[in-house]
Amino acid sequence: MVSRKLRRSNRYKMIAGVCGGLAEFIGWDPTLVRLLYVILSVFSAAFPGIIVYIIAWFLMPKDNSNGPVIDID
């Protein structure tokens, strides 16, 4: 079993990598996660969505890896 950790993404980063990191964690497309996040934020009067994003920005550790390592011999 592969151990996955919720981290801010470097590969799928637009602002802080929060939605990209969430997408990597659950195995979804980052664009879909961003779109769902925006829709959810708009329908909740946008303010709670912004606060949640900022809190996640500070609480989620940054992913220091540069993506998968491919060994070519």
Foldseek 3Di string as FASTA:
>chain_A
DDDDDQAQDPVPDDPQRNLVSVCVRVVHDSVVSVVVLVVVCVVVVNPVSVVVVVVSSVVHHHDPDPDDDDDDD
